Each structure stands twice: as structure tokens, then as C-alpha cells.
Amino acid sequence: MASALDVGEPRKEIDRFLAERWKGIAPVLRGEQVRQEAFKAHLFRSHGIDHTWEG
């Protein structure tokens, strides 16, 4: 069944999906960035600020 699907090159398909899904917002955080974003989210929540993005 998988051979019947035309998926092209998987890496390019993933890159295209992420670019379309996030439209310029980097969805992948690594290392120190994860800690910083978690801390920022905690600060916002502790001050009652809704910082979530709902389109």
C-alpha cells in the first residue's frame, strides 16, 4: 500500500508541511530554547496572561 502513495522525498515533504503549517513560525525548539519557552509560559500563566495562539 505504501508503494501506491506518491510521497516524494520525505524530508522535503516534512519541510513543506512545516512551512505551510506554521507560516514562518519555527515550530521546533531544541535545547535551551525549550527551557526558555517553558519558563516564559510559566511567567505568563502566573500573571494570568493567556499567551496561547489560537487562530
Protein backbone atom coordinates (compact mmCIF):
# COMPACT_ATOMS: atom_id res chain seq x y z
CA MET A 1 0.00 0.00 0.00
CA ALA A 2 2.77 2.45 0.85
CA SER A 3 4.27 1.93 -2.58
CA ALA A 4 0.99 3.16 -4.10
CA LEU A 5 1.37 6.53 -2.38
CA ASP A 6 3.47 9.17 -4.07
CA VAL A 7 5.22 10.80 -1.13
CA GLY A 8 8.20 12.21 -2.99
CA GLU A 9 11.20 12.83 -0.81
CA PRO A 10 10.17 12.53 2.86
CA ARG A 11 12.44 15.31 4.15
CA LYS A 12 11.20 17.77 1.53
CA GLU A 13 7.60 16.82 2.28
CA ILE A 14 8.12 17.43 6.01
CA ASP A 15 9.79 20.79 5.32
CA ARG A 16 6.94 21.80 3.02
CA PHE A 17 4.35 20.75 5.61
CA LEU A 18 6.03 22.69 8.42
CA ALA A 19 6.44 25.79 6.27
CA GLU A 20 2.76 25.71 5.34
CA ARG A 21 1.56 24.82 8.84
CA TRP A 22 3.45 27.48 10.72
CA LYS A 23 3.90 30.18 8.05
CA GLY A 24 7.25 31.40 9.30
CA ILE A 25 6.95 30.41 12.96
CA ALA A 26 9.65 27.93 13.89
CA PRO A 27 7.76 25.02 15.47
CA VAL A 28 10.80 23.05 16.57
CA LEU A 29 12.67 24.10 19.67
CA ARG A 30 15.88 22.50 20.85
CA GLY A 31 17.94 22.52 23.99
CA GLU A 32 18.00 25.86 25.76
CA GLN A 33 15.09 27.16 23.67
CA VAL A 34 12.74 24.59 25.19
CA ARG A 35 13.66 25.65 28.72
CA GLN A 36 13.29 29.34 27.88
CA GLU A 37 9.87 28.88 26.29
CA ALA A 38 8.64 26.76 29.20
CA PHE A 39 9.83 29.41 31.66
CA LYS A 40 8.18 32.18 29.63
CA ALA A 41 4.90 30.23 29.52
CA HIS A 42 5.09 29.77 33.30
CA LEU A 43 5.62 33.51 33.82
CA PHE A 44 2.65 34.38 31.64
CA ARG A 45 0.39 31.86 33.41
CA SER A 46 1.49 33.02 36.86
CA HIS A 47 0.45 36.57 35.94
CA GLY A 48 -2.87 35.48 34.44
CA ILE A 49 -1.90 36.26 30.85
CA ASP A 50 -3.20 33.96 28.10
CA HIS A 51 -0.30 33.78 25.66
CA THR A 52 -1.63 30.91 23.56
CA TRP A 53 -2.10 31.42 19.86
CA GLU A 54 -5.50 30.38 18.66
CA GLY A 55 -6.09 31.24 15.04
